Amino acid sequence: MGWFFEHLDDVLSDMSVFHRVDELDQLPAAVFLPRMVRLALYDGAVRHAMRRAAERPQPAPTPAPQQSGQAEPAPVRAHTADELKALNQTREYGPLGVNQAGVFDFG
């Protein structure tokens, strides 16, 4: 989410073009946030900014020193196809208006 707020000008532009929302202050957060994360799916300013950011080399993260006796963090895992299908059935990530695809619909 933080990435979107760092690129707010791109978000504002795409919200106007794709969702016809010019006054974000008038939009409830429950409507704004699901639409905002979908902007990456459209061929607009947000998608192009994300591509530019992905092309830039990222510095390797510095691992935090682990204190003795501290348990290893659980490994991060990718969602399964079934989990993504289930997310596509939710209000936040499912089809929105004229866009009949959920955020995690691929292919």
Protein backbone atom coordinates (compact mmCIF):
# COMPACT_ATOMS: atom_id res chain seq x y z
CA MET A 1 0.00 0.00 0.00
CA GLY A 2 2.81 2.40 0.81
CA TRP A 3 4.05 2.30 -2.79
CA PHE A 4 0.72 3.70 -4.02
CA PHE A 5 0.87 6.61 -1.60
CA GLU A 6 4.42 7.43 -2.67
CA HIS A 7 3.11 7.66 -6.27
CA LEU A 8 -0.07 9.54 -5.44
CA ASP A 9 0.04 11.71 -8.59
CA ASP A 10 -0.08 8.56 -10.73
CA VAL A 11 -2.87 7.14 -8.57
CA LEU A 12 -4.90 10.35 -8.86
CA SER A 13 -4.47 10.38 -12.62
CA ASP A 14 -5.48 6.75 -13.08
CA MET A 15 -8.41 7.00 -10.64
CA SER A 16 -9.72 9.83 -12.80
CA VAL A 17 -9.22 7.97 -16.08
CA PHE A 18 -10.26 4.44 -15.15
CA HIS A 19 -12.75 4.97 -12.32
CA ARG A 20 -13.94 8.53 -13.13
CA VAL A 21 -13.10 9.68 -9.61
CA ASP A 22 -11.72 13.21 -9.45
CA GLU A 23 -12.33 13.95 -5.77
CA LEU A 24 -10.69 11.21 -3.73
CA ASP A 25 -11.65 12.98 -0.50
CA GLN A 26 -15.29 12.20 -1.28
CA LEU A 27 -14.66 8.46 -1.76
CA PRO A 28 -14.98 6.11 1.25
CA ALA A 29 -11.81 4.13 2.00
CA ALA A 30 -13.76 0.87 1.50
CA VAL A 31 -14.28 1.89 -2.13
CA PHE A 32 -11.00 3.70 -2.73
CA LEU A 33 -8.54 1.02 -1.58
CA PRO A 34 -9.88 -1.91 -3.69
CA ARG A 35 -10.00 0.33 -6.76
CA MET A 36 -6.53 1.73 -6.07
CA VAL A 37 -4.86 -1.70 -5.94
CA ARG A 38 -6.52 -2.62 -9.25
CA LEU A 39 -4.82 0.30 -11.02
CA ALA A 40 -1.75 -1.89 -11.57
CA LEU A 41 -3.85 -4.07 -13.89
CA TYR A 42 -4.72 -1.22 -16.26
CA ASP A 43 -2.35 0.27 -18.82
CA GLY A 44 -1.94 3.58 -17.04
CA ALA A 45 0.49 5.71 -15.07
CA VAL A 46 0.53 3.37 -12.04
CA ARG A 47 1.38 0.31 -14.12
CA HIS A 48 4.16 2.15 -15.94
CA ALA A 49 5.60 3.50 -12.66
CA MET A 50 5.59 -0.03 -11.22
CA ARG A 51 7.43 -1.32 -14.28
CA ARG A 52 10.04 1.43 -13.98
CA ALA A 53 10.50 0.66 -10.28
CA ALA A 54 10.86 -3.07 -10.98
CA GLU A 55 13.55 -2.41 -13.59
CA ARG A 56 15.73 -0.46 -11.14
CA PRO A 57 18.19 -2.66 -9.25
CA GLN A 58 17.20 -3.00 -5.61
CA PRO A 59 19.82 -3.09 -2.86
CA ALA A 60 19.97 -6.38 -0.98
CA PRO A 61 18.24 -6.09 2.41
CA THR A 62 20.47 -6.26 5.46
CA PRO A 63 19.30 -9.09 7.70
CA ALA A 64 18.53 -8.06 11.25
CA PRO A 65 20.87 -9.55 13.83
CA GLN A 66 19.23 -12.45 15.59
CA GLN A 67 19.34 -12.52 19.35
CA SER A 68 20.32 -15.75 21.04
CA GLY A 69 17.36 -17.84 22.08
CA GLN A 70 15.09 -16.12 19.59
CA ALA A 71 13.02 -18.47 17.41
CA GLU A 72 13.53 -18.47 13.63
CA PRO A 73 10.79 -16.56 11.82
CA ALA A 74 8.33 -18.69 9.86
CA PRO A 75 9.30 -18.96 6.19
CA VAL A 76 7.31 -16.89 3.73
CA ARG A 77 5.31 -18.92 1.24
CA ALA A 78 3.38 -18.05 -1.89
CA HIS A 79 -0.40 -18.40 -1.89
CA THR A 80 -1.77 -21.48 -3.58
CA ALA A 81 -4.01 -21.25 -6.65
CA ASP A 82 -7.00 -22.21 -4.48
CA GLU A 83 -6.22 -19.44 -1.99
CA LEU A 84 -6.03 -16.89 -4.83
CA LYS A 85 -9.33 -18.16 -6.28
CA ALA A 86 -10.92 -17.72 -2.85
CA LEU A 87 -9.57 -14.15 -2.62
CA ASN A 88 -11.15 -13.39 -6.02
CA GLN A 89 -14.54 -14.11 -4.47
CA THR A 90 -14.15 -11.41 -1.82
CA ARG A 91 -15.50 -7.88 -2.05
CA GLU A 92 -12.02 -6.36 -1.84
CA TYR A 93 -10.36 -8.40 -4.58
CA GLY A 94 -13.23 -9.74 -6.71
CA PRO A 95 -14.77 -8.29 -9.89
CA LEU A 96 -15.52 -4.58 -9.75
CA GLY A 97 -18.00 -2.82 -12.04
CA VAL A 98 -17.18 -3.29 -15.71
CA ASN A 99 -13.95 -5.11 -14.85
CA GLN A 100 -15.09 -8.73 -14.63
CA ALA A 101 -11.72 -10.05 -13.46
CA GLY A 102 -10.63 -10.28 -9.88
CA VAL A 103 -7.25 -8.91 -8.85
CA PHE A 104 -5.75 -12.42 -8.81
CA ASP A 105 -7.33 -13.73 -12.06
CA PHE A 106 -4.56 -14.78 -14.39
CA GLY A 107 -4.78 -16.16 -17.88
